[in-house]
Amino acid sequence: MRDSIVYPRVDHGADDAAVAEALAAVGLQSLEPLLGREDRWDRALSEDEKQRIAFARVILQRPRWVIIDSALDLVDPESRKRIEVLFEGFLADVGVMYIGGHASDSGFFTRTLHLVRDPSGPTFKPADAVRPAKRVRFEPKDIAGC
């Protein structure tokens, strides 16, 4: 379990106390007794638990940016709020980009960027900088080759 949580830094990851704190921060303190156990965690854990473990990794690794591809859609509303609070406090210096359908109405995401057709090529612009007539909704298959 411990290696799953500190992945990909299994050789120089955090100590058990830091891992336990990260698990508690995402509401998975019940997994702490399993840190030394090996199992097929991809099969044993629910989708919600797997997504919350990913956010425990963010706590431990503190990257500059996190790109979330619908992961928040897979956790229960209470866990989602807990994760949003982490990014408003402890992880406030970590940039977040959400890729997906509709973000929540919680106010967590404060800006929307749209990929638009532009004579200069694909660009990201704030939603209020794009005239509605020029907005283009891209499906993942449309931007795969960009």
Protein backbone atom coordinates (compact mmCIF):
# COMPACT_ATOMS: atom_id res chain seq x y z
CA MET A 1 0.00 0.00 0.00
CA ARG A 2 2.77 2.43 0.92
CA ASP A 3 4.43 2.09 -2.51
CA SER A 4 1.07 2.76 -4.20
CA ILE A 5 0.68 6.00 -2.27
CA VAL A 6 4.20 7.36 -2.75
CA TYR A 7 4.39 6.27 -6.41
CA PRO A 8 6.42 7.07 -8.48
CA ARG A 9 8.93 7.93 -5.73
CA VAL A 10 9.09 4.51 -4.10
CA ASP A 11 12.85 4.67 -3.58
CA HIS A 12 12.91 7.98 -1.66
CA GLY A 13 9.33 8.62 -0.63
CA ALA A 14 7.96 10.19 2.50
CA ASP A 15 8.05 8.55 5.92
CA ASP A 16 5.02 6.70 7.29
CA ALA A 17 3.93 9.68 9.40
CA ALA A 18 3.76 11.93 6.32
CA VAL A 19 1.90 9.23 4.38
CA ALA A 20 -0.57 8.84 7.26
CA GLU A 21 -1.14 12.61 7.32
CA ALA A 22 -1.76 12.67 3.56
CA LEU A 23 -4.23 9.78 3.87
CA ALA A 24 -6.07 11.56 6.69
CA ALA A 25 -6.20 14.77 4.65
CA VAL A 26 -8.14 12.99 1.90
CA GLY A 27 -10.30 10.99 4.31
CA LEU A 28 -8.53 7.64 3.91
CA GLN A 29 -7.09 7.24 7.40
CA SER A 30 -8.66 3.76 7.48
CA LEU A 31 -5.93 2.64 5.04
CA GLU A 32 -3.06 3.53 7.39
CA PRO A 33 -2.91 0.04 9.01
CA LEU A 34 -2.45 -1.41 5.50
CA LEU A 35 0.69 0.59 4.63
CA GLY A 36 2.99 -2.44 4.91
CA ARG A 37 0.64 -4.82 3.11
CA GLU A 38 1.00 -5.87 -0.54
CA ASP A 39 -2.10 -6.50 -2.60
CA ARG A 40 -3.66 -5.77 -6.00
CA TRP A 41 -4.83 -2.33 -4.84
CA ASP A 42 -6.10 -1.53 -8.33
CA ARG A 43 -8.66 -4.28 -7.77
CA ALA A 44 -9.15 -4.00 -4.01
CA LEU A 45 -9.91 -0.28 -3.80
CA SER A 46 -12.99 1.52 -5.06
CA GLU A 47 -12.70 4.17 -7.80
CA ASP A 48 -13.36 6.83 -5.15
CA GLU A 49 -10.49 5.52 -2.99
CA LYS A 50 -8.11 5.34 -5.97
CA GLN A 51 -8.86 8.95 -6.89
CA ARG A 52 -8.34 10.12 -3.31
CA ILE A 53 -5.00 8.25 -3.19
CA ALA A 54 -3.99 10.28 -6.26
CA PHE A 55 -4.66 13.46 -4.28
CA ALA A 56 -2.68 12.06 -1.32
CA ARG A 57 0.22 11.75 -3.81
CA VAL A 58 -0.21 15.42 -4.67
CA ILE A 59 0.08 16.29 -0.97
CA LEU A 60 3.28 14.26 -0.64
CA GLN A 61 4.92 15.39 -3.88
CA ARG A 62 3.66 19.00 -4.02
CA PRO A 63 4.05 19.55 -7.77
CA ARG A 64 3.80 23.05 -9.21
CA TRP A 65 0.77 22.07 -11.34
CA VAL A 66 -1.90 19.38 -11.22
CA ILE A 67 -3.97 18.52 -14.25
CA ILE A 68 -7.24 16.91 -13.25
CA ASP A 69 -9.02 14.94 -15.95
CA SER A 70 -12.48 14.28 -14.46
CA ALA A 71 -10.97 12.81 -11.25
CA LEU A 72 -13.14 15.04 -9.07
CA ASP A 73 -16.22 13.67 -10.82
CA LEU A 74 -15.39 10.21 -9.45
CA VAL A 75 -15.28 11.08 -5.74
CA ASP A 76 -18.23 11.56 -3.45
CA PRO A 77 -19.34 15.16 -2.75
CA GLU A 78 -17.87 15.21 0.78
CA SER A 79 -14.47 14.03 -0.48
CA ARG A 80 -14.59 16.52 -3.34
CA LYS A 81 -15.13 19.39 -0.89
CA ARG A 82 -12.28 18.10 1.30
CA ILE A 83 -9.95 18.08 -1.73
CA GLU A 84 -11.06 21.56 -2.84
CA VAL A 85 -10.33 22.87 0.68
CA LEU A 86 -6.80 21.41 0.45
CA PHE A 87 -6.15 23.41 -2.73
CA GLU A 88 -7.52 26.55 -1.10
CA GLY A 89 -5.26 26.13 1.95
CA PHE A 90 -2.35 23.72 2.26
CA LEU A 91 -1.92 23.32 -1.52
CA ALA A 92 -2.79 26.92 -2.44
CA ASP A 93 0.54 27.33 -4.25
CA VAL A 94 -0.19 24.38 -6.58
CA GLY A 95 -1.80 25.37 -9.89
CA VAL A 96 -4.82 23.33 -10.96
CA MET A 97 -6.10 22.77 -14.47
CA TYR A 98 -9.33 20.82 -14.83
CA ILE A 99 -10.10 19.07 -18.09
CA GLY A 100 -13.60 17.78 -18.36
CA GLY A 101 -17.23 18.60 -18.78
CA HIS A 102 -18.72 20.90 -16.25
CA ALA A 103 -16.71 21.79 -13.19
CA SER A 104 -18.83 22.14 -10.06
CA ASP A 105 -20.83 25.14 -8.99
CA SER A 106 -18.77 25.30 -5.78
CA GLY A 107 -16.74 28.26 -7.02
CA PHE A 108 -13.51 26.26 -6.80
CA PHE A 109 -12.66 26.87 -10.45
CA THR A 110 -12.55 30.61 -10.98
CA ARG A 111 -11.54 30.88 -14.63
CA THR A 112 -12.49 29.06 -17.80
CA LEU A 113 -10.19 28.68 -20.77
CA HIS A 114 -11.36 27.66 -24.22
CA LEU A 115 -9.30 26.27 -27.05
CA VAL A 116 -10.40 28.34 -30.03
CA ARG A 117 -9.64 28.47 -33.73
CA ASP A 118 -7.33 31.38 -34.28
CA PRO A 119 -5.46 32.49 -37.41
CA SER A 120 -2.27 32.29 -35.33
CA GLY A 121 -3.00 28.68 -34.36
CA PRO A 122 -4.50 27.04 -31.23
CA THR A 123 -4.32 29.29 -28.16
CA PHE A 124 -5.74 29.44 -24.65
CA LYS A 125 -7.67 32.59 -23.78
CA PRO A 126 -9.83 33.56 -20.81
CA ALA A 127 -13.53 32.95 -21.48
CA ASP A 128 -14.35 36.66 -21.34
CA ALA A 129 -11.75 37.43 -24.05
CA VAL A 130 -13.48 35.25 -26.63
CA ARG A 131 -16.51 36.54 -28.48
CA PRO A 132 -19.37 33.99 -28.18
CA ALA A 133 -19.67 33.65 -31.97
CA LYS A 134 -16.09 32.38 -32.19
CA ARG A 135 -16.22 29.88 -29.33
CA VAL A 136 -15.71 26.32 -30.44
CA ARG A 137 -16.36 23.31 -28.25
CA PHE A 138 -13.72 20.67 -28.86
CA GLU A 139 -14.22 17.04 -28.06
CA PRO A 140 -11.13 15.08 -26.91
CA LYS A 141 -10.81 13.51 -30.38
CA ASP A 142 -10.56 17.02 -31.89
CA ILE A 143 -7.57 18.10 -29.82
CA ALA A 144 -5.70 14.79 -29.70
CA GLY A 145 -3.47 15.81 -32.58
CA CYS A 146 -2.58 19.28 -31.21
